[in-house]
Amino acid sequence: MSLPQAVVLDLDGTLIDSAPEIGAALNRLLARHGRRPVSGDQVRMMVGDGALSLLGAAFAATGAPLSPEAERAVLEEYLDDLAAEPARRESIYPGVEATLRLLRGRGMRIGICTNKAERVTELVLEQLGLASLIDAFAGGDTLPWRKPDGRHPAHVAELLGVPPAQAAMVGDGLNDVKAARGAGMPVVAVSYGYPRMPVADLGADLVIDGFADLPAALEALPRRG
């Protein structure tokens, strides 16, 4: 079978292991608010639903919940902390760069659909040297909706100039699978990210153990539309 025309990728837990940077920024913020730090394992269970959800979970885990009145100010504070936390080249999962270059060499368009804030996503891609391999992206605050809403990856496919049914989604969690289904895209799950549940239970079409396995998985995906 031939490759789809485009691939829409999750970022955290799929292309990069960003939990250490997220945890460092989050714990600096918590310390300023008189809270204890959260562990790396806790951070991995909190990642995936966007920054505001992450903050809500972190504050609830360390004391009184974050009040609705304080949400906006604390969110901006956190995003500033995260933007100031340098992305590490070693956070890129094995095989990511070579595989993205291989797919581009085969004429595939490559996009990112992440619940990470847009300005932080752009900065991270630049710092890691991945920006030149990505044709379009949408962050968690780019649109009025985000994953698991299918309109989020569908928008990225539109930016890539490809019908959603001719694109494939790749991610590490249930939000990615639900969003792909909502967009009418086939979906590949990676087994090494932050799924918060058994990967086999996510409902993806295929599961891969390494990013280098993606080209073969894309060729094996069922076509929709």
Protein backbone atom coordinates (compact mmCIF):
# COMPACT_ATOMS: atom_id res chain seq x y z
CA MET A 1 0.00 0.00 0.00
CA SER A 2 1.14 3.57 -0.60
CA LEU A 3 1.87 6.16 2.05
CA PRO A 4 -0.79 8.73 2.97
CA GLN A 5 -0.28 12.22 1.61
CA ALA A 6 0.40 13.74 5.03
CA VAL A 7 1.07 12.82 8.62
CA VAL A 8 -0.19 14.83 11.59
CA LEU A 9 1.98 14.29 14.65
CA ASP A 10 1.53 14.83 18.35
CA LEU A 11 4.56 16.49 19.99
CA ASP A 12 5.01 15.68 23.70
CA GLY A 13 5.47 11.96 24.21
CA THR A 14 5.57 11.27 20.47
CA LEU A 15 8.43 13.33 19.01
CA ILE A 16 10.05 14.50 22.23
CA ASP A 17 10.30 13.48 25.89
CA SER A 18 9.45 16.91 27.26
CA ALA A 19 8.40 15.86 30.77
CA PRO A 20 11.71 16.99 32.37
CA GLU A 21 11.36 20.53 30.97
CA ILE A 22 7.67 20.69 31.80
CA GLY A 23 8.38 19.44 35.32
CA ALA A 24 11.17 21.97 35.89
CA ALA A 25 9.00 24.89 34.77
CA LEU A 26 6.00 23.62 36.71
CA ASN A 27 7.97 23.12 39.93
CA ARG A 28 9.45 26.62 39.76
CA LEU A 29 5.93 27.99 39.54
CA LEU A 30 4.66 25.76 42.36
CA ALA A 31 7.54 26.87 44.60
CA ARG A 32 6.64 30.53 44.07
CA HIS A 33 3.10 29.68 45.15
CA GLY A 34 4.29 27.91 48.29
CA ARG A 35 3.64 24.42 46.97
CA ARG A 36 5.77 21.28 47.12
CA PRO A 37 7.23 19.94 43.86
CA VAL A 38 5.60 17.20 41.82
CA SER A 39 7.53 14.14 40.65
CA GLY A 40 8.44 13.22 37.11
CA ASP A 41 5.94 10.35 37.19
CA GLN A 42 3.20 12.75 38.28
CA VAL A 43 4.07 15.14 35.45
CA ARG A 44 3.82 12.35 32.88
CA MET A 45 0.32 11.55 34.12
CA MET A 46 -0.71 15.22 33.87
CA VAL A 47 0.60 15.96 30.36
CA GLY A 48 -1.63 15.87 27.30
CA ASP A 49 -4.72 17.97 27.98
CA GLY A 50 -3.19 21.42 27.69
CA ALA A 51 -1.45 23.79 30.10
CA LEU A 52 -4.52 24.82 32.07
CA SER A 53 -5.44 21.20 32.77
CA LEU A 54 -1.84 20.52 33.79
CA LEU A 55 -1.89 23.43 36.23
CA GLY A 56 -5.21 22.36 37.67
CA ALA A 57 -3.89 18.86 38.29
CA ALA A 58 -0.63 20.13 39.80
CA PHE A 59 -2.33 22.54 42.19
CA ALA A 60 -4.89 19.91 43.22
CA ALA A 61 -2.06 17.44 43.89
CA THR A 62 -0.15 19.89 46.10
CA GLY A 63 -2.88 21.60 48.12
CA ALA A 64 -5.86 23.81 47.46
CA PRO A 65 -7.20 23.77 43.87
CA LEU A 66 -6.33 26.60 41.52
CA SER A 67 -9.15 29.12 41.73
CA PRO A 68 -10.97 30.16 38.55
CA GLU A 69 -10.12 33.79 39.31
CA ALA A 70 -6.37 33.03 39.31
CA GLU A 71 -6.30 30.71 36.28
CA ARG A 72 -5.40 33.23 33.60
CA ALA A 73 -2.60 34.91 35.54
CA VAL A 74 -1.09 31.58 36.67
CA LEU A 75 -1.33 30.21 33.13
CA GLU A 76 0.64 33.13 31.71
CA GLU A 77 3.16 32.77 34.53
CA TYR A 78 3.61 29.09 33.73
CA LEU A 79 3.94 29.67 29.98
CA ASP A 80 6.66 32.23 30.66
CA ASP A 81 8.46 29.68 32.84
CA LEU A 82 8.12 27.00 30.18
CA ALA A 83 9.36 29.30 27.43
CA ALA A 84 12.40 30.08 29.56
CA GLU A 85 13.22 26.37 30.01
CA PRO A 86 15.61 25.42 27.17
CA ALA A 87 14.57 22.39 25.14
CA ARG A 88 17.26 19.72 25.10
CA ARG A 89 18.36 18.04 21.88
CA GLU A 90 18.51 14.77 23.77
CA SER A 91 14.77 15.03 24.39
CA ILE A 92 14.13 14.07 20.76
CA TYR A 93 13.18 10.41 20.67
CA PRO A 94 15.47 8.05 18.71
CA GLY A 95 14.77 7.89 15.01
CA VAL A 96 12.60 11.01 14.85
CA GLU A 97 14.81 13.26 12.74
CA ALA A 98 15.90 10.59 10.29
CA THR A 99 12.34 9.34 9.87
CA LEU A 100 10.92 12.82 9.28
CA ARG A 101 13.56 13.41 6.61
CA LEU A 102 12.75 10.05 5.02
CA LEU A 103 9.04 10.84 4.88
CA ARG A 104 9.66 14.30 3.44
CA GLY A 105 11.92 12.72 0.84
CA ARG A 106 8.97 10.58 -0.20
CA GLY A 107 6.88 13.71 -0.74
CA MET A 108 4.85 13.54 2.44
CA ARG A 109 3.60 16.71 4.13
CA ILE A 110 4.26 16.82 7.87
CA GLY A 111 2.25 18.68 10.49
CA ILE A 112 2.02 18.85 14.26
CA CYS A 113 -1.19 18.90 16.30
CA THR A 114 -0.41 19.47 19.96
CA ASN A 115 -2.24 20.70 23.04
CA LYS A 116 0.95 22.56 24.00
CA ALA A 117 0.59 26.35 23.74
CA GLU A 118 1.34 27.72 20.28
CA ARG A 119 4.12 30.10 21.29
CA VAL A 120 5.91 27.43 23.30
CA THR A 121 5.52 24.87 20.50
CA GLU A 122 7.09 27.23 17.98
CA LEU A 123 9.97 27.98 20.33
CA VAL A 124 10.62 24.31 21.11
CA LEU A 125 10.66 23.33 17.43
CA GLU A 126 13.18 26.08 16.71
CA GLN A 127 15.39 25.20 19.68
CA LEU A 128 15.45 21.52 18.76
CA GLY A 129 16.16 22.15 15.08
CA LEU A 130 12.93 20.46 14.01
CA ALA A 131 11.13 23.50 12.61
CA SER A 132 12.53 23.02 9.10
CA LEU A 133 11.05 19.51 8.98
CA ILE A 134 7.51 20.66 9.85
CA ASP A 135 5.20 22.18 7.23
CA ALA A 136 2.45 23.38 9.60
CA PHE A 137 1.33 23.11 13.20
CA ALA A 138 -1.49 24.03 15.53
CA GLY A 139 -1.11 24.39 19.29
CA GLY A 140 -3.62 23.92 22.05
CA ASP A 141 -4.57 27.60 21.98
CA THR A 142 -4.42 28.16 18.21
CA LEU A 143 -8.14 27.43 17.76
CA PRO A 144 -11.25 27.59 19.96
CA TRP A 145 -10.96 23.79 20.26
CA ARG A 146 -8.16 21.26 20.75
CA LYS A 147 -7.66 17.51 20.92
CA PRO A 148 -9.65 15.31 21.47
CA ASP A 149 -11.81 17.45 19.15
CA GLY A 150 -11.38 16.15 15.61
CA ARG A 151 -11.43 19.69 14.22
CA HIS A 152 -7.95 20.22 15.64
CA PRO A 153 -6.08 17.67 13.45
CA ALA A 154 -8.47 18.38 10.57
CA HIS A 155 -7.32 22.01 10.68
CA VAL A 156 -3.69 20.89 10.47
CA ALA A 157 -4.52 18.70 7.48
CA GLU A 158 -6.18 21.71 5.87
CA LEU A 159 -3.03 23.77 6.44
CA LEU A 160 -1.09 20.98 4.75
CA GLY A 161 -3.45 21.06 1.78
CA VAL A 162 -4.54 17.45 2.28
CA PRO A 163 -8.03 16.02 2.95
CA PRO A 164 -8.15 14.54 6.47
CA ALA A 165 -8.99 11.09 5.08
CA GLN A 166 -5.71 11.18 3.13
CA ALA A 167 -3.67 12.06 6.23
CA ALA A 168 -2.71 9.89 9.22
CA MET A 169 -2.45 10.86 12.88
CA VAL A 170 0.38 9.70 15.14
CA GLY A 171 0.29 10.11 18.91
CA ASP A 172 0.77 8.56 22.30
CA GLY A 173 -2.55 9.05 24.07
CA LEU A 174 -6.31 8.72 23.98
CA ASN A 175 -6.76 12.37 22.97
CA ASP A 176 -4.82 11.64 19.77
CA VAL A 177 -6.90 8.60 18.92
CA LYS A 178 -10.20 10.35 19.64
CA ALA A 179 -9.17 13.39 17.61
CA ALA A 180 -8.10 11.24 14.69
CA ARG A 181 -11.40 9.36 14.73
CA GLY A 182 -13.29 12.65 14.85
CA ALA A 183 -11.33 13.90 11.86
CA GLY A 184 -11.77 10.66 9.89
CA MET A 185 -8.04 9.89 9.96
CA PRO A 186 -6.38 6.53 10.53
CA VAL A 187 -4.14 6.63 13.59
CA VAL A 188 -0.87 5.11 14.77
CA ALA A 189 -0.01 5.05 18.48
CA VAL A 190 3.52 4.97 19.86
CA SER A 191 4.12 2.75 22.87
CA TYR A 192 6.80 4.86 24.57
CA GLY A 193 5.04 8.14 25.48
CA TYR A 194 2.62 9.27 28.19
CA PRO A 195 -0.54 7.27 27.43
CA ARG A 196 -2.02 7.14 31.00
CA MET A 197 -3.58 3.78 30.08
CA PRO A 198 -2.43 0.57 28.35
CA VAL A 199 -1.47 1.50 24.79
CA ALA A 200 -3.29 -1.57 23.46
CA ASP A 201 -6.51 -0.11 24.86
CA LEU A 202 -6.24 3.25 23.08
CA GLY A 203 -8.02 1.97 19.99
CA ALA A 204 -5.39 2.95 17.44
CA ASP A 205 -5.18 1.17 14.10
CA LEU A 206 -1.55 0.21 14.76
CA VAL A 207 0.97 0.53 17.59
CA ILE A 208 4.71 1.03 17.04
CA ASP A 209 7.52 0.71 19.57
CA GLY A 210 9.92 3.12 17.88
CA PHE A 211 9.48 6.15 15.63
CA ALA A 212 11.67 4.56 12.97
CA ASP A 213 8.88 1.99 12.51
CA LEU A 214 6.49 4.70 11.33
CA PRO A 215 6.99 4.48 7.52
CA ALA A 216 6.12 0.79 7.47
CA ALA A 217 3.14 1.39 9.74
CA LEU A 218 1.84 4.18 7.49
CA GLU A 219 2.02 1.89 4.49
CA ALA A 220 -0.03 -0.71 6.38
CA LEU A 221 -2.78 1.65 7.54
CA PRO A 222 -6.31 1.29 6.23
CA ARG A 223 -7.38 4.10 3.92
CA ARG A 224 -10.45 6.18 4.65
CA GLY A 225 -12.49 8.30 2.31
